[in-house]
């Protein structure tokens, strides 16, 4: 296990209570912040605009579409900051977890979004943005979504030695 594989920031969805909990795992163990209320900043119109941006605009980035894209990109920043504040600025312990990851270097951490709910997992977590650091996804090792929290068991089965052809 490499150093970046054992450093993990987790955003854990507590669906029953409408809260999220932040956890950080590094070489010194695991620390969790108390749960905080989570108000989803993403509106239906945001989903439609994001869909438009990544499908239609990329095929025709001219004229009025360019102005509309500028508005969508500005909304990306606002959504990213709102998600960041909801998770990393929700209480002192969450701020301390984030500060610890910053001190260690965000490039040493993976971010895991943990939930059983597809609507939570489908939020645009890659937009997480701090006014100081910008978009976090460009600095983190990876952003992943999963249904369980904590360290994953290592894969220890033998791999097949048979030839595998791909066309």
N, C-alpha and C. Protein backbone atom coordinates (compact mmCIF):
# COMPACT_ATOMS: atom_id res chain seq x y z
N UNK A 1 0.85 -1.18 0.00
CA UNK A 1 0.00 0.00 0.00
C UNK A 1 0.89 1.24 0.00
N UNK A 2 0.68 2.11 -0.95
CA UNK A 2 1.49 3.32 -1.01
C UNK A 2 0.95 4.35 -0.04
N UNK A 3 1.74 5.39 0.19
CA UNK A 3 1.36 6.41 1.15
C UNK A 3 0.04 7.07 0.76
N UNK A 4 -0.16 7.37 -0.53
CA UNK A 4 -1.40 8.04 -0.94
C UNK A 4 -2.59 7.10 -0.87
N UNK A 5 -2.37 5.78 -0.93
CA UNK A 5 -3.48 4.85 -0.84
C UNK A 5 -4.02 4.73 0.57
N UNK A 6 -3.20 5.03 1.58
CA UNK A 6 -3.71 4.92 2.95
C UNK A 6 -4.16 6.27 3.50
N UNK A 7 -4.13 7.31 2.70
CA UNK A 7 -4.63 8.63 3.12
C UNK A 7 -5.94 8.88 2.40
N UNK A 8 -6.98 9.04 3.20
CA UNK A 8 -8.32 9.10 2.64
C UNK A 8 -9.17 10.14 3.35
N UNK A 9 -9.81 10.99 2.58
CA UNK A 9 -10.84 11.89 3.09
C UNK A 9 -12.17 11.28 2.67
N UNK A 10 -13.10 11.15 3.61
CA UNK A 10 -14.40 10.58 3.29
C UNK A 10 -15.51 11.56 3.62
N UNK A 11 -16.44 11.72 2.69
CA UNK A 11 -17.67 12.45 2.93
C UNK A 11 -18.74 11.37 3.04
N UNK A 12 -19.26 11.19 4.24
CA UNK A 12 -20.18 10.09 4.52
C UNK A 12 -21.60 10.62 4.63
N UNK A 13 -22.48 10.11 3.81
CA UNK A 13 -23.89 10.50 3.80
C UNK A 13 -24.62 9.77 4.92
N UNK A 14 -25.22 10.52 5.82
CA UNK A 14 -26.06 9.95 6.88
C UNK A 14 -27.51 10.23 6.49
N UNK A 15 -28.01 9.44 5.56
CA UNK A 15 -29.29 9.71 4.91
C UNK A 15 -30.46 9.78 5.88
N UNK A 16 -30.42 8.96 6.93
CA UNK A 16 -31.53 8.91 7.88
C UNK A 16 -31.75 10.25 8.58
N UNK A 17 -30.68 11.01 8.75
CA UNK A 17 -30.77 12.26 9.50
C UNK A 17 -30.58 13.50 8.63
N UNK A 18 -30.31 13.32 7.33
CA UNK A 18 -30.08 14.46 6.45
C UNK A 18 -28.77 15.16 6.76
N UNK A 19 -27.78 14.40 7.21
CA UNK A 19 -26.50 14.97 7.60
C UNK A 19 -25.36 14.31 6.82
N UNK A 20 -24.20 14.94 6.89
CA UNK A 20 -22.97 14.35 6.37
C UNK A 20 -21.94 14.35 7.49
N UNK A 21 -20.99 13.45 7.36
CA UNK A 21 -19.90 13.38 8.32
C UNK A 21 -18.60 13.29 7.55
N UNK A 22 -17.62 14.04 7.99
CA UNK A 22 -16.31 14.03 7.36
C UNK A 22 -15.37 13.16 8.18
N UNK A 23 -14.60 12.33 7.50
CA UNK A 23 -13.60 11.49 8.17
C UNK A 23 -12.29 11.62 7.40
N UNK A 24 -11.20 11.55 8.14
CA UNK A 24 -9.87 11.57 7.53
C UNK A 24 -9.07 10.40 8.09
N UNK A 25 -8.44 9.66 7.20
CA UNK A 25 -7.57 8.55 7.59
C UNK A 25 -6.19 8.84 7.03
N UNK A 26 -5.19 8.75 7.90
CA UNK A 26 -3.81 8.91 7.46
C UNK A 26 -2.95 7.93 8.24
N UNK A 27 -1.68 8.08 8.20
CA UNK A 27 -0.78 7.16 8.89
C UNK A 27 -0.99 7.10 10.39
N UNK A 28 -1.60 8.12 10.98
CA UNK A 28 -1.81 8.15 12.43
C UNK A 28 -3.18 7.64 12.86
N UNK A 29 -3.98 7.13 11.96
CA UNK A 29 -5.30 6.61 12.32
C UNK A 29 -6.41 7.35 11.61
N UNK A 30 -7.60 7.23 12.18
CA UNK A 30 -8.81 7.79 11.57
C UNK A 30 -9.45 8.78 12.54
N UNK A 31 -9.81 9.94 12.02
CA UNK A 31 -10.46 10.98 12.81
C UNK A 31 -11.77 11.34 12.12
N UNK A 32 -12.84 11.47 12.90
CA UNK A 32 -14.13 11.86 12.33
C UNK A 32 -14.61 13.15 12.97
N UNK A 33 -15.30 13.94 12.18
CA UNK A 33 -15.93 15.15 12.68
C UNK A 33 -17.37 14.81 13.03
N UNK A 34 -18.00 15.58 13.90
CA UNK A 34 -19.41 15.32 14.20
C UNK A 34 -20.27 15.55 12.95
N UNK A 35 -21.39 14.85 12.86
CA UNK A 35 -22.29 15.05 11.73
C UNK A 35 -22.77 16.49 11.64
N UNK A 36 -23.01 16.93 10.41
CA UNK A 36 -23.50 18.29 10.16
C UNK A 36 -24.66 18.21 9.17
N UNK A 37 -25.61 19.10 9.32
CA UNK A 37 -26.75 19.16 8.40
C UNK A 37 -26.26 19.42 6.99
N UNK A 38 -26.84 18.69 6.04
CA UNK A 38 -26.45 18.86 4.64
C UNK A 38 -27.66 19.29 3.83
N UNK A 39 -27.59 20.49 3.28
CA UNK A 39 -28.62 20.99 2.38
C UNK A 39 -28.05 20.94 0.97
N UNK A 40 -28.64 20.12 0.13
CA UNK A 40 -28.17 19.94 -1.24
C UNK A 40 -28.30 21.26 -2.01
N UNK A 41 -27.17 21.83 -2.47
CA UNK A 41 -27.25 23.10 -3.20
C UNK A 41 -27.63 22.95 -4.67
N UNK A 42 -27.68 21.72 -5.16
CA UNK A 42 -27.95 21.48 -6.58
C UNK A 42 -29.45 21.49 -6.84
N UNK A 43 -29.87 22.31 -7.78
CA UNK A 43 -31.28 22.40 -8.17
C UNK A 43 -31.48 21.65 -9.48
N UNK A 44 -32.75 21.35 -9.81
CA UNK A 44 -33.03 20.65 -11.06
C UNK A 44 -32.50 21.42 -12.26
N UNK A 45 -32.61 22.75 -12.21
CA UNK A 45 -32.11 23.56 -13.33
C UNK A 45 -30.59 23.41 -13.48
N UNK A 46 -29.90 23.23 -12.35
CA UNK A 46 -28.45 23.02 -12.42
C UNK A 46 -28.13 21.72 -13.15
N UNK A 47 -28.88 20.67 -12.83
CA UNK A 47 -28.66 19.38 -13.51
C UNK A 47 -28.86 19.52 -15.01
N UNK A 48 -29.91 20.25 -15.39
CA UNK A 48 -30.19 20.44 -16.82
C UNK A 48 -29.07 21.23 -17.50
N UNK A 49 -28.59 22.27 -16.84
CA UNK A 49 -27.52 23.09 -17.42
C UNK A 49 -26.21 22.31 -17.50
N UNK A 50 -25.91 21.52 -16.49
CA UNK A 50 -24.70 20.69 -16.53
C UNK A 50 -24.80 19.69 -17.68
N UNK A 51 -25.97 19.07 -17.82
CA UNK A 51 -26.19 18.15 -18.94
C UNK A 51 -26.01 18.83 -20.28
N UNK A 52 -26.58 20.03 -20.43
CA UNK A 52 -26.44 20.80 -21.67
C UNK A 52 -24.96 21.10 -21.93
N UNK A 53 -24.26 21.53 -20.92
CA UNK A 53 -22.86 21.94 -21.06
C UNK A 53 -22.00 20.79 -21.59
N UNK A 54 -22.18 19.60 -21.02
CA UNK A 54 -21.31 18.49 -21.39
C UNK A 54 -21.79 17.70 -22.61
N UNK A 55 -22.94 18.03 -23.13
CA UNK A 55 -23.41 17.34 -24.34
C UNK A 55 -23.54 18.31 -25.50
N UNK A 56 -24.50 19.20 -25.44
CA UNK A 56 -24.77 20.08 -26.57
C UNK A 56 -23.71 21.15 -26.78
N UNK A 57 -23.28 21.80 -25.72
CA UNK A 57 -22.31 22.89 -25.87
C UNK A 57 -21.00 22.41 -26.46
N UNK A 58 -20.53 21.28 -26.04
CA UNK A 58 -19.26 20.76 -26.54
C UNK A 58 -19.32 20.45 -28.04
N UNK A 59 -20.53 20.21 -28.55
CA UNK A 59 -20.68 19.94 -29.97
C UNK A 59 -20.86 21.22 -30.79
N UNK A 60 -21.31 22.31 -30.13
CA UNK A 60 -21.56 23.55 -30.84
C UNK A 60 -21.22 24.74 -29.93
N UNK A 61 -19.93 25.02 -29.71
CA UNK A 61 -19.53 26.06 -28.76
C UNK A 61 -19.44 27.47 -29.35
N UNK A 62 -20.45 27.87 -30.10
CA UNK A 62 -20.39 29.16 -30.78
C UNK A 62 -21.61 30.01 -30.45
N UNK A 63 -21.53 31.29 -30.77
CA UNK A 63 -22.66 32.21 -30.65
C UNK A 63 -23.21 32.33 -29.25
N UNK A 64 -24.54 32.27 -29.14
CA UNK A 64 -25.22 32.41 -27.85
C UNK A 64 -24.82 31.31 -26.87
N UNK A 65 -24.44 30.17 -27.41
CA UNK A 65 -24.04 29.05 -26.54
C UNK A 65 -22.82 29.43 -25.70
N UNK A 66 -21.96 30.27 -26.25
CA UNK A 66 -20.76 30.68 -25.52
C UNK A 66 -21.13 31.50 -24.29
N UNK A 67 -22.11 32.39 -24.42
CA UNK A 67 -22.57 33.19 -23.28
C UNK A 67 -23.23 32.30 -22.22
N UNK A 68 -24.07 31.39 -22.69
CA UNK A 68 -24.74 30.47 -21.76
C UNK A 68 -23.71 29.62 -21.03
N UNK A 69 -22.69 29.17 -21.74
CA UNK A 69 -21.63 28.36 -21.12
C UNK A 69 -20.90 29.14 -20.04
N UNK A 70 -20.69 30.43 -20.26
CA UNK A 70 -20.04 31.26 -19.24
C UNK A 70 -20.85 31.29 -17.96
N UNK A 71 -22.17 31.37 -18.09
CA UNK A 71 -23.05 31.35 -16.91
C UNK A 71 -22.98 30.00 -16.21
N UNK A 72 -22.96 28.93 -16.99
CA UNK A 72 -22.88 27.58 -16.40
C UNK A 72 -21.55 27.41 -15.67
N UNK A 73 -20.47 27.88 -16.25
CA UNK A 73 -19.15 27.77 -15.61
C UNK A 73 -19.10 28.56 -14.31
N UNK A 74 -19.74 29.73 -14.29
CA UNK A 74 -19.80 30.51 -13.05
C UNK A 74 -20.60 29.76 -12.00
N UNK A 75 -21.66 29.07 -12.44
CA UNK A 75 -22.46 28.28 -11.51
C UNK A 75 -21.65 27.09 -10.99
N UNK A 76 -20.77 26.52 -11.82
CA UNK A 76 -19.88 25.45 -11.35
C UNK A 76 -19.10 25.92 -10.12
N UNK A 77 -18.54 27.12 -10.21
CA UNK A 77 -17.77 27.67 -9.09
C UNK A 77 -18.64 27.84 -7.86
N UNK A 78 -19.85 28.38 -8.04
CA UNK A 78 -20.75 28.60 -6.90
C UNK A 78 -21.17 27.27 -6.27
N UNK A 79 -21.49 26.28 -7.09
CA UNK A 79 -21.86 24.96 -6.57
C UNK A 79 -20.69 24.33 -5.82
N UNK A 80 -19.51 24.44 -6.38
CA UNK A 80 -18.32 23.88 -5.74
C UNK A 80 -18.05 24.49 -4.38
N UNK A 81 -18.21 25.81 -4.29
CA UNK A 81 -18.00 26.48 -3.00
C UNK A 81 -19.09 26.09 -2.00
N UNK A 82 -20.34 25.98 -2.47
CA UNK A 82 -21.44 25.59 -1.58
C UNK A 82 -21.23 24.18 -1.04
N UNK A 83 -20.81 23.25 -1.90
CA UNK A 83 -20.52 21.89 -1.44
C UNK A 83 -19.35 21.89 -0.46
N UNK A 84 -18.32 22.65 -0.76
CA UNK A 84 -17.15 22.75 0.11
C UNK A 84 -17.55 23.25 1.50
N UNK A 85 -18.31 24.33 1.53
CA UNK A 85 -18.72 24.90 2.82
C UNK A 85 -19.61 23.94 3.60
N UNK A 86 -20.51 23.24 2.90
CA UNK A 86 -21.42 22.31 3.57
C UNK A 86 -20.67 21.16 4.22
N UNK A 87 -19.55 20.76 3.65
CA UNK A 87 -18.81 19.61 4.16
C UNK A 87 -17.61 20.02 5.02
N UNK A 88 -16.74 20.84 4.48
CA UNK A 88 -15.47 21.13 5.13
C UNK A 88 -15.50 22.32 6.09
N UNK A 89 -16.54 23.13 6.03
CA UNK A 89 -16.62 24.30 6.91
C UNK A 89 -17.80 24.20 7.87
N UNK A 90 -18.42 23.03 7.99
CA UNK A 90 -19.65 22.87 8.76
C UNK A 90 -19.45 22.97 10.27
N UNK A 91 -18.28 22.62 10.77
CA UNK A 91 -17.98 22.73 12.20
C UNK A 91 -16.45 22.74 12.38
N UNK A 92 -16.02 23.02 13.60
CA UNK A 92 -14.57 23.15 13.85
C UNK A 92 -13.81 21.87 13.56
N UNK A 93 -14.41 20.72 13.88
CA UNK A 93 -13.73 19.45 13.66
C UNK A 93 -13.56 19.17 12.16
N UNK A 94 -14.58 19.52 11.37
CA UNK A 94 -14.47 19.36 9.91
C UNK A 94 -13.38 20.26 9.36
N UNK A 95 -13.32 21.48 9.87
CA UNK A 95 -12.26 22.40 9.45
C UNK A 95 -10.89 21.85 9.82
N UNK A 96 -10.78 21.22 11.00
CA UNK A 96 -9.51 20.64 11.44
C UNK A 96 -9.11 19.46 10.55
N UNK A 97 -10.08 18.63 10.16
CA UNK A 97 -9.79 17.51 9.26
C UNK A 97 -9.24 18.03 7.93
N UNK A 98 -9.90 19.04 7.39
CA UNK A 98 -9.45 19.62 6.12
C UNK A 98 -8.07 20.25 6.27
N UNK A 99 -7.85 20.97 7.36
CA UNK A 99 -6.55 21.61 7.60
C UNK A 99 -5.45 20.55 7.68
N UNK A 100 -5.75 19.41 8.29
CA UNK A 100 -4.78 18.33 8.38
C UNK A 100 -4.43 17.79 6.99
N UNK A 101 -5.45 17.62 6.14
CA UNK A 101 -5.19 17.15 4.78
C UNK A 101 -4.38 18.18 3.99
N UNK A 102 -4.68 19.46 4.20
CA UNK A 102 -3.91 20.51 3.53
C UNK A 102 -2.45 20.47 3.97
N UNK A 103 -2.24 20.29 5.26
CA UNK A 103 -0.88 20.25 5.81
C UNK A 103 -0.09 19.08 5.23
N UNK A 104 -0.76 17.92 5.11
CA UNK A 104 -0.12 16.73 4.54
C UNK A 104 0.04 16.84 3.02
N UNK A 105 -0.75 17.71 2.40
CA UNK A 105 -0.76 17.86 0.95
C UNK A 105 -1.95 17.13 0.36
N UNK A 106 -2.87 17.86 -0.25
CA UNK A 106 -4.05 17.23 -0.84
C UNK A 106 -3.68 16.18 -1.87
N UNK A 107 -2.54 16.35 -2.52
CA UNK A 107 -2.12 15.39 -3.55
C UNK A 107 -1.80 14.01 -2.96
N UNK A 108 -1.74 13.92 -1.64
CA UNK A 108 -1.51 12.64 -0.97
C UNK A 108 -2.81 11.95 -0.57
N UNK A 109 -3.95 12.55 -0.87
CA UNK A 109 -5.24 12.03 -0.42
C UNK A 109 -6.14 11.64 -1.57
N UNK A 110 -6.94 10.61 -1.31
CA UNK A 110 -8.07 10.26 -2.16
C UNK A 110 -9.31 10.79 -1.46
N UNK A 111 -10.32 11.19 -2.22
CA UNK A 111 -11.59 11.62 -1.66
C UNK A 111 -12.63 10.56 -1.99
N UNK A 112 -13.28 10.02 -0.96
CA UNK A 112 -14.33 9.02 -1.17
C UNK A 112 -15.66 9.61 -0.76
N UNK A 113 -16.64 9.52 -1.65
CA UNK A 113 -18.00 9.91 -1.36
C UNK A 113 -18.72 8.62 -1.01
N UNK A 114 -19.24 8.52 0.22
CA UNK A 114 -19.80 7.27 0.72
C UNK A 114 -21.30 7.43 0.95
N UNK A 115 -22.09 6.62 0.25
CA UNK A 115 -23.54 6.69 0.41
C UNK A 115 -24.19 5.45 -0.20
N UNK A 116 -25.37 5.15 0.28
CA UNK A 116 -26.21 4.12 -0.33
C UNK A 116 -27.19 4.74 -1.32
N UNK A 117 -27.24 6.09 -1.36
CA UNK A 117 -28.24 6.79 -2.18
C UNK A 117 -27.62 7.29 -3.49
N UNK A 118 -28.18 6.85 -4.62
CA UNK A 118 -27.67 7.31 -5.91
C UNK A 118 -27.74 8.83 -6.07
N UNK A 119 -28.77 9.46 -5.53
CA UNK A 119 -28.90 10.91 -5.69
C UNK A 119 -27.79 11.67 -4.97
N UNK A 120 -27.26 11.11 -3.89
CA UNK A 120 -26.13 11.73 -3.19
C UNK A 120 -24.84 11.46 -3.95
N UNK A 121 -24.66 10.23 -4.39
CA UNK A 121 -23.46 9.87 -5.13
C UNK A 121 -23.36 10.63 -6.46
N UNK A 122 -24.51 10.99 -7.03
CA UNK A 122 -24.50 11.66 -8.34
C UNK A 122 -24.29 13.17 -8.26
N UNK A 123 -24.17 13.72 -7.05
CA UNK A 123 -23.87 15.14 -6.95
C UNK A 123 -22.50 15.41 -7.58
N UNK A 124 -22.29 16.58 -8.15
CA UNK A 124 -21.01 16.86 -8.84
C UNK A 124 -19.88 17.18 -7.86
N UNK A 125 -19.45 16.17 -7.11
CA UNK A 125 -18.42 16.34 -6.08
C UNK A 125 -17.09 16.81 -6.67
N UNK A 126 -16.87 16.55 -7.94
CA UNK A 126 -15.64 17.01 -8.58
C UNK A 126 -15.56 18.53 -8.63
N UNK A 127 -16.67 19.20 -8.39
CA UNK A 127 -16.69 20.67 -8.38
C UNK A 127 -16.29 21.27 -7.03
N UNK A 128 -16.07 20.44 -6.00
CA UNK A 128 -15.67 20.97 -4.69
C UNK A 128 -14.58 22.02 -4.88
N UNK A 129 -14.82 23.20 -4.31
CA UNK A 129 -13.91 24.31 -4.57
C UNK A 129 -13.76 25.18 -3.33
N UNK A 130 -12.52 25.50 -3.03
CA UNK A 130 -12.18 26.41 -1.95
C UNK A 130 -11.72 27.73 -2.56
N UNK A 131 -12.03 28.83 -1.89
CA UNK A 131 -11.58 30.12 -2.43
C UNK A 131 -10.06 30.21 -2.45
N UNK A 132 -9.37 29.52 -1.53
CA UNK A 132 -7.91 29.56 -1.50
C UNK A 132 -7.27 28.53 -2.44
N UNK A 133 -7.78 27.30 -2.45
CA UNK A 133 -7.14 26.22 -3.20
C UNK A 133 -7.75 25.98 -4.57
N UNK A 134 -8.91 26.54 -4.86
CA UNK A 134 -9.57 26.28 -6.14
C UNK A 134 -10.24 24.91 -6.13
N UNK A 135 -10.38 24.32 -7.31
CA UNK A 135 -11.03 23.01 -7.43
C UNK A 135 -10.16 21.93 -6.80
N UNK A 136 -10.72 21.21 -5.83
CA UNK A 136 -9.95 20.20 -5.10
C UNK A 136 -9.65 18.98 -5.96
N UNK A 137 -10.55 18.65 -6.90
CA UNK A 137 -10.37 17.43 -7.68
C UNK A 137 -9.08 17.47 -8.50
N UNK A 138 -8.60 18.67 -8.83
CA UNK A 138 -7.35 18.76 -9.59
C UNK A 138 -6.12 18.55 -8.70
N UNK A 139 -6.33 18.54 -7.39
CA UNK A 139 -5.20 18.39 -6.47
C UNK A 139 -5.19 17.04 -5.77
N UNK A 140 -6.37 16.44 -5.60
CA UNK A 140 -6.48 15.14 -4.93
C UNK A 140 -5.96 14.03 -5.84
N UNK A 141 -5.55 12.92 -5.24
CA UNK A 141 -5.12 11.76 -6.03
C UNK A 141 -6.27 11.24 -6.88
N UNK A 142 -7.47 11.17 -6.28
CA UNK A 142 -8.66 10.71 -7.00
C UNK A 142 -9.91 11.06 -6.22
N UNK A 143 -11.03 11.03 -6.93
CA UNK A 143 -12.34 11.18 -6.31
C UNK A 143 -13.11 9.92 -6.67
N UNK A 144 -13.58 9.21 -5.66
CA UNK A 144 -14.30 7.97 -5.92
C UNK A 144 -15.60 7.94 -5.15
N UNK A 145 -16.50 7.13 -5.63
CA UNK A 145 -17.79 6.96 -4.98
C UNK A 145 -17.92 5.50 -4.58
N UNK A 146 -18.41 5.28 -3.37
CA UNK A 146 -18.59 3.91 -2.91
C UNK A 146 -19.71 3.83 -1.89
N UNK A 147 -20.09 2.60 -1.58
CA UNK A 147 -21.24 2.39 -0.70
C UNK A 147 -20.87 2.06 0.73
N UNK A 148 -19.58 1.87 1.02
CA UNK A 148 -19.19 1.58 2.40
C UNK A 148 -17.99 2.44 2.79
N UNK A 149 -17.88 2.67 4.08
CA UNK A 149 -16.85 3.55 4.61
C UNK A 149 -15.64 2.75 5.09
N UNK A 150 -14.52 3.44 5.26
CA UNK A 150 -13.33 2.81 5.82
C UNK A 150 -12.43 2.22 4.76
N UNK A 151 -11.36 1.61 5.22
CA UNK A 151 -10.38 1.02 4.32
C UNK A 151 -10.96 -0.21 3.63
N UNK A 152 -10.60 -0.39 2.38
CA UNK A 152 -11.06 -1.55 1.64
C UNK A 152 -10.06 -2.69 1.84
N UNK A 153 -10.58 -3.92 1.87
CA UNK A 153 -9.71 -5.08 1.99
C UNK A 153 -8.85 -5.21 0.74
N UNK A 154 -7.59 -5.56 0.91
CA UNK A 154 -6.73 -5.72 -0.26
C UNK A 154 -7.15 -6.95 -1.07
N UNK A 155 -6.95 -6.90 -2.36
CA UNK A 155 -7.22 -8.02 -3.24
C UNK A 155 -6.07 -9.00 -3.12
N UNK A 156 -6.37 -10.23 -2.70
CA UNK A 156 -5.29 -11.19 -2.50
C UNK A 156 -5.49 -12.51 -3.23
N UNK A 157 -6.40 -12.54 -4.19
CA UNK A 157 -6.60 -13.75 -4.98
C UNK A 157 -5.55 -13.84 -6.08
N UNK A 158 -5.28 -15.05 -6.53
CA UNK A 158 -4.36 -15.24 -7.64
C UNK A 158 -5.05 -14.83 -8.93
N UNK A 159 -4.32 -14.15 -9.77
CA UNK A 159 -4.85 -13.76 -11.07
C UNK A 159 -4.61 -14.88 -12.07
N UNK A 160 -5.51 -14.99 -13.01
CA UNK A 160 -5.39 -16.00 -14.04
C UNK A 160 -4.16 -15.73 -14.89
N UNK A 161 -3.48 -16.78 -15.28
CA UNK A 161 -2.31 -16.66 -16.14
C UNK A 161 -2.66 -16.93 -17.60
N UNK A 162 -3.96 -17.18 -17.87
CA UNK A 162 -4.40 -17.45 -19.24
C UNK A 162 -4.39 -16.17 -20.05
N UNK A 163 -4.17 -16.33 -21.34
CA UNK A 163 -4.16 -15.17 -22.24
C UNK A 163 -5.56 -14.60 -22.35
N UNK A 164 -5.65 -13.28 -22.37
CA UNK A 164 -6.93 -12.59 -22.48
C UNK A 164 -6.83 -11.63 -23.65
N UNK A 165 -7.61 -11.87 -24.69
CA UNK A 165 -7.54 -11.05 -25.90
C UNK A 165 -8.66 -10.02 -25.90
N UNK A 166 -8.33 -8.80 -26.25
CA UNK A 166 -9.31 -7.73 -26.34
C UNK A 166 -9.24 -7.15 -27.74
N UNK A 167 -10.38 -6.99 -28.36
CA UNK A 167 -10.41 -6.40 -29.71
C UNK A 167 -10.62 -4.93 -29.63
